Amino acid sequence: MPKYKHGSGSVYKRGKTWWIGYIHNGSHICESAKTTDKAEARRILQTKLGQIAEDRYIGPATERITFEALAEMVLVDYQVNRKRSLRELRIKLAKHLLPIFGEKKAKEISTEDIQEYILARQEQGASNGEINRETAILKRAFNLALRAERIHRKPYIPHLEENNVRQGFFETWEFTAILARLPEYLRSPMTFAYSTGWRRGEILSLTWDRVELEAGAVRLYRGTTKNKDGRLIYLTQELRAVLAQQWQHHKEQYPACPYVFHRDGRRIKDLRGAWERACKESGLAGKIPHDFRRTAVRNLVRAGVPERVAMTITGHKTRDVFDRYNIVSDGDLREAMRRLEATFTPQVTTKSTTIPLSPEQEHPLTH
């Protein structure tokens, strides 16, 4: 390799290909210019020297890094932060992102490439929400790599408009109909969900160390919920009875099981099949357990509970989410008009009345 001074460099030949050499941070760097044209090699060298002088140097390692390496950074980030969606991340990477971007160099992934990916996913029937979750992984990968100085630029990643806010909730008769068709082990946790609006994962992972039966309270510790906040609720008489029954069951048959709600002493991991069968049998196909969150919000507001307190009970952190779930039912609209009618409708009487005539009517002028 030829010698050169700091701030300068040289071009030299290896076989038929020109190479460039220069110094960066005291290190001698040699890389192929990937050209047989000496003038082009000199141009590439001057570009590198200009990047060094302006502190925007892109080294060979940065240029070679692939999206697969960026994806590994995201996986490590999820593991370090113990994010619950790690399994979902692995699926999205393996099924959708890595087959398209995996072997591509990060610097070669453009906004146009991402738009083509979005179009292809839409043609496959993916919703805007699904696609946004996937492109969010792309964005996270590039941001982590930028922070670690593994890359020096990222493409613009568009965010699609979503209009998939569910508006389902349970009327009392609907909940009763489904509950009667659920297997015994699911009736208690679903009753708890209907009353509290807690997330399914929060309920199915609930352990006895968080339950105070005598005080009639249940706690979720800080960091164990989706929004990382702790939570305390006091139980209704119905829920106290449900948990008392579960406690008796725990003491007599499954003392080693730490979970409040379980299936023969084992944690309930998947309720989809049993739930869908119960909904179909009751003529309510399409209902989902997450509808209980909307239902609990609506029921609390109907009962006159202050909205701030209702948000604390259900675990909603932001007001916009709370408003989105506080859905008005057909019954609410009927009740509103009934109240309006009762309050402001004039009282019409059917009794005959005599309306006195005016003087002009009693003695009309004659001509």
Protein backbone atom coordinates (compact mmCIF):
# COMPACT_ATOMS: atom_id res chain seq x y z
CA MET A 1 0.00 0.00 0.00
CA PRO A 2 1.45 3.42 -0.91
CA LYS A 3 2.29 5.93 1.79
CA TYR A 4 0.36 9.19 2.10
CA LYS A 5 0.04 12.09 4.50
CA HIS A 6 -2.89 12.83 6.86
CA GLY A 7 -5.58 14.68 4.93
CA SER A 8 -4.44 13.24 1.63
CA GLY A 9 -4.63 9.82 0.10
CA SER A 10 -3.67 7.79 -2.91
CA VAL A 11 -5.07 5.54 -5.59
CA TYR A 12 -3.34 2.33 -6.58
CA LYS A 13 -4.07 -0.71 -8.66
CA ARG A 14 -4.72 -4.31 -7.67
CA GLY A 15 -5.10 -6.39 -10.76
CA LYS A 16 -7.43 -4.47 -13.01
CA THR A 17 -9.26 -2.67 -10.16
CA TRP A 18 -8.28 0.66 -8.61
CA TRP A 19 -8.16 0.98 -4.84
CA ILE A 20 -8.03 4.03 -2.60
CA GLY A 21 -6.12 4.59 0.62
CA TYR A 22 -6.50 7.35 3.24
CA ILE A 23 -6.24 8.05 6.97
CA HIS A 24 -9.18 8.49 9.36
CA ASN A 25 -8.75 8.98 13.12
CA GLY A 26 -5.16 7.78 12.88
CA SER A 27 -6.09 4.56 11.09
CA HIS A 28 -4.98 3.62 7.58
CA ILE A 29 -8.00 2.59 5.55
CA CYS A 30 -7.87 0.78 2.25
CA GLU A 31 -10.92 -0.07 0.16
CA SER A 32 -11.74 -0.97 -3.37
CA ALA A 33 -13.06 1.84 -5.56
CA LYS A 34 -14.80 -0.89 -7.58
CA THR A 35 -13.74 0.68 -10.87
CA THR A 36 -11.15 0.18 -13.60
CA ASP A 37 -11.12 3.93 -14.28
CA LYS A 38 -8.35 5.79 -12.44
CA ALA A 39 -10.12 9.16 -12.71
CA GLU A 40 -13.25 7.69 -11.12
CA ALA A 41 -11.14 6.23 -8.31
CA ARG A 42 -9.64 9.68 -7.65
CA ARG A 43 -13.14 11.19 -7.55
CA ILE A 44 -14.23 8.61 -4.95
CA LEU A 45 -11.12 9.33 -2.89
CA GLN A 46 -11.79 13.08 -2.91
CA THR A 47 -15.39 12.43 -1.79
CA LYS A 48 -14.09 10.39 1.17
CA LEU A 49 -11.58 13.07 2.12
CA GLY A 50 -14.30 15.73 1.93
CA GLN A 51 -16.54 13.66 4.25
CA ILE A 52 -13.68 13.34 6.75
CA ALA A 53 -13.00 17.08 6.66
CA GLU A 54 -16.70 17.88 7.24
CA ASP A 55 -17.12 15.21 9.95
CA ARG A 56 -19.66 13.22 7.95
CA TYR A 57 -17.47 10.30 7.02
CA ILE A 58 -19.17 7.05 6.04
CA GLY A 59 -16.76 4.18 6.49
CA PRO A 60 -16.69 0.82 4.73
CA ALA A 61 -18.29 -0.98 7.70
CA THR A 62 -21.22 1.44 7.66
CA GLU A 63 -21.69 1.01 3.96
CA ARG A 64 -21.74 -2.79 4.30
CA ILE A 65 -24.24 -3.05 7.18
CA THR A 66 -27.43 -4.85 6.17
CA PHE A 67 -30.98 -4.52 7.42
CA GLU A 68 -30.58 -7.95 9.00
CA ALA A 69 -27.98 -6.43 11.35
CA LEU A 70 -30.37 -3.57 12.14
CA ALA A 71 -33.14 -6.07 12.87
CA GLU A 72 -30.87 -7.81 15.36
CA MET A 73 -30.43 -4.48 17.16
CA VAL A 74 -34.21 -4.19 17.51
CA LEU A 75 -34.44 -7.73 18.92
CA VAL A 76 -31.76 -6.94 21.50
CA ASP A 77 -33.56 -3.69 22.39
CA TYR A 78 -36.82 -5.58 23.01
CA GLN A 79 -35.03 -8.21 25.11
CA VAL A 80 -33.17 -5.63 27.23
CA ASN A 81 -36.36 -3.67 27.87
CA ARG A 82 -38.38 -6.87 28.41
CA LYS A 83 -41.08 -5.80 26.01
CA ARG A 84 -44.07 -8.12 25.94
CA SER A 85 -44.38 -7.91 22.17
CA LEU A 86 -41.04 -9.68 21.56
CA ARG A 87 -42.79 -12.76 20.15
CA GLU A 88 -44.90 -10.60 17.84
CA LEU A 89 -41.74 -8.76 16.73
CA ARG A 90 -40.04 -12.04 15.80
CA ILE A 91 -43.06 -13.10 13.75
CA LYS A 92 -43.28 -9.80 11.86
CA LEU A 93 -39.56 -9.83 11.11
CA ALA A 94 -39.45 -13.45 9.97
CA LYS A 95 -42.69 -13.41 7.99
CA HIS A 96 -42.69 -9.98 6.36
CA LEU A 97 -39.66 -7.70 6.82
CA LEU A 98 -36.58 -9.93 6.58
CA PRO A 99 -37.66 -11.72 3.37
CA ILE A 100 -37.86 -8.31 1.66
CA PHE A 101 -35.15 -6.20 3.32
CA GLY A 102 -32.93 -8.71 5.15
CA GLU A 103 -29.96 -8.92 2.78
CA LYS A 104 -30.23 -5.36 1.53
CA LYS A 105 -27.64 -2.89 2.70
CA ALA A 106 -29.21 -0.33 5.01
CA LYS A 107 -27.92 2.57 2.92
CA GLU A 108 -29.66 1.15 -0.15
CA ILE A 109 -33.15 1.00 1.40
CA SER A 110 -35.05 4.01 0.09
CA THR A 111 -38.44 5.55 0.73
CA GLU A 112 -39.48 4.18 -2.65
CA ASP A 113 -38.57 0.65 -1.48
CA ILE A 114 -40.72 1.10 1.62
CA GLN A 115 -43.65 2.44 -0.41
CA GLU A 116 -43.41 -0.62 -2.67
CA TYR A 117 -43.45 -2.82 0.45
CA ILE A 118 -46.56 -1.03 1.72
CA LEU A 119 -48.32 -1.46 -1.63
CA ALA A 120 -47.45 -5.17 -1.72
CA ARG A 121 -48.81 -5.69 1.81
CA GLN A 122 -52.02 -3.87 0.92
CA GLU A 123 -52.44 -6.14 -2.09
CA GLN A 124 -52.03 -9.10 0.28
CA GLY A 125 -55.00 -7.79 2.29
CA ALA A 126 -53.10 -6.33 5.26
CA SER A 127 -54.84 -3.44 7.03
CA ASN A 128 -53.22 -0.04 7.45
CA GLY A 129 -52.89 -0.80 11.15
CA GLU A 130 -50.96 -4.02 10.49
CA ILE A 131 -48.69 -2.27 7.99
CA ASN A 132 -48.02 0.60 10.41
CA ARG A 133 -46.93 -1.88 13.09
CA GLU A 134 -44.47 -3.39 10.61
CA THR A 135 -43.06 -0.08 9.32
CA ALA A 136 -42.70 1.03 12.96
CA ILE A 137 -40.19 -1.82 13.34
CA LEU A 138 -38.32 -0.48 10.30
CA LYS A 139 -38.28 2.99 11.84
CA ARG A 140 -37.06 1.65 15.19
CA ALA A 141 -34.28 -0.30 13.46
CA PHE A 142 -32.97 2.77 11.64
CA ASN A 143 -33.23 4.97 14.74
CA LEU A 144 -31.25 2.50 16.86
CA ALA A 145 -28.59 2.22 14.17
CA LEU A 146 -28.33 6.01 13.89
CA ARG A 147 -27.96 6.33 17.65
CA ALA A 148 -25.19 3.72 17.63
CA GLU A 149 -23.53 5.48 14.66
CA ARG A 150 -23.81 2.33 12.59
CA ILE A 151 -25.46 4.35 9.80
CA HIS A 152 -25.56 8.04 8.94
CA ARG A 153 -28.93 8.43 7.27
CA LYS A 154 -32.36 6.85 7.25
CA PRO A 155 -35.15 6.90 4.68
CA TYR A 156 -38.46 8.64 5.22
CA ILE A 157 -40.95 6.01 6.41
CA PRO A 158 -44.59 7.00 5.77
CA HIS A 159 -47.34 6.38 8.34
CA LEU A 160 -50.70 5.31 6.93
CA GLU A 161 -53.98 6.73 8.14
CA GLU A 162 -55.87 4.27 10.29
CA ASN A 163 -59.63 4.16 10.56
CA ASN A 164 -60.07 0.83 12.29
CA VAL A 165 -61.23 1.91 15.74
CA ARG A 166 -63.58 -0.80 16.95
CA GLN A 167 -66.94 0.29 18.29
CA GLY A 168 -68.15 -2.95 19.86
CA PHE A 169 -69.46 -3.18 23.40
CA PHE A 170 -71.72 -5.48 25.39
CA GLU A 171 -75.27 -4.93 26.44
CA THR A 172 -76.10 -6.85 29.63
CA TRP A 173 -78.11 -9.54 27.85
CA GLU A 174 -75.29 -10.14 25.37
CA PHE A 175 -72.75 -10.66 28.15
CA THR A 176 -75.12 -13.02 29.99
CA ALA A 177 -75.75 -15.04 26.82
CA ILE A 178 -72.06 -15.54 26.08
CA LEU A 179 -71.16 -16.18 29.71
CA ALA A 180 -73.65 -19.07 29.90
CA ARG A 181 -71.95 -20.77 26.94
CA LEU A 182 -68.34 -20.36 28.11
CA PRO A 183 -66.55 -23.23 29.87
CA GLU A 184 -66.54 -22.95 33.66
CA TYR A 185 -62.88 -21.91 33.92
CA LEU A 186 -63.48 -18.81 31.75
CA ARG A 187 -66.63 -17.48 33.44
CA SER A 188 -64.87 -15.90 36.41
CA PRO A 189 -62.14 -14.04 34.47
CA MET A 190 -64.66 -12.81 31.89
CA THR A 191 -66.94 -11.54 34.68
CA PHE A 192 -63.94 -9.69 36.12
CA ALA A 193 -63.19 -8.23 32.67
CA TYR A 194 -66.79 -7.10 32.13
CA SER A 195 -66.85 -5.22 35.44
CA THR A 196 -63.37 -3.68 35.49
CA GLY A 197 -62.38 -3.19 31.84
CA TRP A 198 -58.91 -4.57 32.58
CA ARG A 199 -56.87 -5.95 29.74
CA ARG A 200 -56.95 -9.68 29.15
CA GLY A 201 -53.25 -10.10 29.94
CA GLU A 202 -53.62 -8.19 33.22
CA ILE A 203 -56.44 -10.49 34.32
CA LEU A 204 -55.00 -13.83 33.22
CA SER A 205 -51.62 -13.03 34.84
CA LEU A 206 -53.20 -11.87 38.12
CA THR A 207 -51.68 -13.67 41.11
CA TRP A 208 -52.92 -14.04 44.68
CA ASP A 209 -50.20 -11.80 46.14
CA ARG A 210 -52.02 -8.85 44.50
CA VAL A 211 -55.42 -9.66 46.00
CA GLU A 212 -56.60 -8.40 49.42
CA LEU A 213 -59.84 -10.27 49.98
CA GLU A 214 -60.59 -8.85 53.43
CA ALA A 215 -60.13 -5.28 52.17
CA GLY A 216 -61.93 -6.14 48.94
CA ALA A 217 -59.13 -4.74 46.77
CA VAL A 218 -56.86 -5.83 43.93
CA ARG A 219 -53.55 -4.21 43.03
CA LEU A 220 -51.41 -4.18 39.92
CA TYR A 221 -47.84 -3.18 40.68
CA ARG A 222 -46.06 -0.42 38.82
CA GLY A 223 -44.33 -1.75 35.71
CA THR A 224 -46.66 -4.76 35.30
CA THR A 225 -49.30 -2.98 33.19
CA LYS A 226 -49.18 -1.87 29.58
CA ASN A 227 -48.75 1.81 30.49
CA LYS A 228 -46.31 0.91 33.34
CA ASP A 229 -48.51 2.58 35.99
CA GLY A 230 -49.68 0.75 39.09
CA ARG A 231 -53.40 0.36 39.76
CA LEU A 232 -55.71 -0.26 42.70
CA ILE A 233 -59.41 -1.11 42.50
CA TYR A 234 -61.99 -1.94 45.15
CA LEU A 235 -64.29 -4.84 44.37
CA THR A 236 -68.04 -4.86 43.96
CA GLN A 237 -69.98 -7.43 45.96
CA GLU A 238 -70.25 -9.57 42.84
CA LEU A 239 -66.49 -9.52 42.25
CA ARG A 240 -65.75 -10.21 45.90
CA ALA A 241 -67.94 -13.29 45.64
CA VAL A 242 -66.16 -14.37 42.44
CA LEU A 243 -62.70 -14.03 44.01
CA ALA A 244 -63.81 -15.67 47.25
CA GLN A 245 -64.96 -18.67 45.25
CA GLN A 246 -61.66 -18.72 43.34
CA TRP A 247 -59.74 -18.56 46.65
CA GLN A 248 -61.67 -21.50 48.06
CA HIS A 249 -60.95 -23.44 44.90
CA HIS A 250 -57.27 -22.49 45.20
CA LYS A 251 -56.97 -23.66 48.82
CA GLU A 252 -58.78 -26.96 48.35
CA GLN A 253 -57.47 -28.16 44.98
CA TYR A 254 -54.59 -26.07 43.59
CA PRO A 255 -52.59 -24.49 46.45
CA ALA A 256 -49.40 -24.50 44.36
CA CYS A 257 -50.96 -22.46 41.54
CA PRO A 258 -50.24 -18.73 42.02
CA TYR A 259 -52.83 -17.54 39.48
CA VAL A 260 -56.26 -16.28 40.52
CA PHE A 261 -57.79 -17.51 37.26
CA HIS A 262 -56.51 -20.79 35.86
CA ARG A 263 -57.45 -24.00 34.10
CA ASP A 264 -56.89 -27.04 36.28
CA GLY A 265 -53.98 -25.33 38.03
CA ARG A 266 -52.33 -24.09 34.84
CA ARG A 267 -52.22 -20.55 33.55
CA ILE A 268 -54.82 -19.74 30.87
CA LYS A 269 -52.84 -18.78 27.77
CA ASP A 270 -55.33 -18.96 24.92
CA LEU A 271 -59.09 -18.54 25.13
CA ARG A 272 -59.78 -17.83 21.47
CA GLY A 273 -61.37 -21.16 20.52
CA ALA A 274 -63.71 -21.36 23.51
CA TRP A 275 -64.62 -17.69 23.16
CA GLU A 276 -65.47 -17.92 19.45
CA ARG A 277 -67.63 -21.01 20.01
CA ALA A 278 -69.59 -19.26 22.80
CA CYS A 279 -70.15 -16.19 20.62
CA LYS A 280 -71.31 -18.28 17.66
CA GLU A 281 -73.67 -20.38 19.79
CA SER A 282 -75.25 -17.23 21.28
CA GLY A 283 -75.65 -15.57 17.88
CA LEU A 284 -73.05 -12.91 18.68
CA ALA A 285 -70.20 -13.85 16.35
CA GLY A 286 -67.58 -11.13 16.05
CA LYS A 287 -67.54 -10.04 19.68
CA ILE A 288 -64.08 -9.92 21.24
CA PRO A 289 -62.92 -9.82 24.88
CA HIS A 290 -61.41 -6.37 24.31
CA ASP A 291 -64.99 -5.10 23.90
CA PHE A 292 -65.19 -5.38 27.70
CA ARG A 293 -62.89 -2.35 28.00
CA ARG A 294 -65.28 -0.17 26.04
CA THR A 295 -68.21 -1.63 27.96
CA ALA A 296 -66.68 -0.91 31.36
CA VAL A 297 -65.91 2.70 30.40
CA ARG A 298 -69.47 3.25 29.19
CA ASN A 299 -71.01 1.60 32.25
CA LEU A 300 -68.88 3.62 34.67
CA VAL A 301 -69.84 6.89 32.98
CA ARG A 302 -73.52 5.89 32.96
CA ALA A 303 -73.28 5.18 36.69
CA GLY A 304 -72.06 8.73 37.30
CA VAL A 305 -68.44 7.84 38.12
CA PRO A 306 -66.12 10.85 37.49
CA GLU A 307 -64.17 10.34 34.31
CA ARG A 308 -60.78 10.67 36.02
CA VAL A 309 -61.73 7.89 38.44
CA ALA A 310 -63.10 5.75 35.61
CA MET A 311 -59.81 6.13 33.74
CA THR A 312 -57.92 5.00 36.85
CA ILE A 313 -60.08 1.90 37.21
CA THR A 314 -59.81 0.79 33.59
CA GLY A 315 -56.15 1.80 33.20
CA HIS A 316 -56.56 4.39 30.44
CA LYS A 317 -53.73 6.89 30.56
CA THR A 318 -54.75 9.44 27.92
CA ARG A 319 -58.08 11.20 27.53
CA ASP A 320 -58.29 10.67 23.77
CA VAL A 321 -58.29 6.89 24.21
CA PHE A 322 -60.95 7.19 26.93
CA ASP A 323 -63.14 9.32 24.66
CA ARG A 324 -62.69 6.86 21.82
CA TYR A 325 -64.01 4.02 23.98
CA ASN A 326 -66.89 5.95 25.60
CA ILE A 327 -69.30 4.85 22.90
CA VAL A 328 -72.94 5.87 22.86
CA SER A 329 -75.32 2.94 22.33
CA ASP A 330 -78.72 2.94 20.70
CA GLY A 331 -80.21 2.60 24.19
CA ASP A 332 -78.40 5.76 25.31
CA LEU A 333 -79.90 7.71 22.41
CA ARG A 334 -83.41 6.44 23.16
CA GLU A 335 -83.02 7.35 26.85
CA ALA A 336 -81.83 10.86 25.91
CA MET A 337 -84.94 11.49 23.82
CA ARG A 338 -87.20 10.02 26.53
CA ARG A 339 -85.77 12.47 29.05
CA LEU A 340 -86.11 15.36 26.59
CA GLU A 341 -89.73 14.46 25.97
CA ALA A 342 -90.53 14.14 29.68
CA THR A 343 -88.93 17.50 30.51
CA PHE A 344 -89.86 19.85 27.67
CA THR A 345 -92.97 18.51 25.89
CA PRO A 346 -95.92 20.95 26.49
CA GLN A 347 -98.83 19.50 28.47
CA VAL A 348 -101.74 19.33 26.02
CA THR A 349 -105.26 19.07 27.50
CA THR A 350 -108.29 17.58 25.74
CA LYS A 351 -110.89 19.58 27.72
CA SER A 352 -112.90 22.13 25.71
CA THR A 353 -112.32 25.75 26.56
CA THR A 354 -114.24 28.92 25.71
CA ILE A 355 -112.17 31.60 24.08
CA PRO A 356 -113.66 35.07 24.72
CA LEU A 357 -114.41 37.24 21.70
CA SER A 358 -112.85 40.62 21.27
CA PRO A 359 -115.11 43.73 21.25
CA GLU A 360 -114.70 43.97 17.51
CA GLN A 361 -115.83 40.38 17.11
CA GLU A 362 -118.87 40.92 19.40
CA HIS A 363 -120.03 44.09 17.56
CA PRO A 364 -118.73 44.00 14.01
CA LEU A 365 -119.00 47.23 12.02
CA THR A 366 -121.72 47.31 9.45
CA HIS A 367 -121.58 49.34 6.29
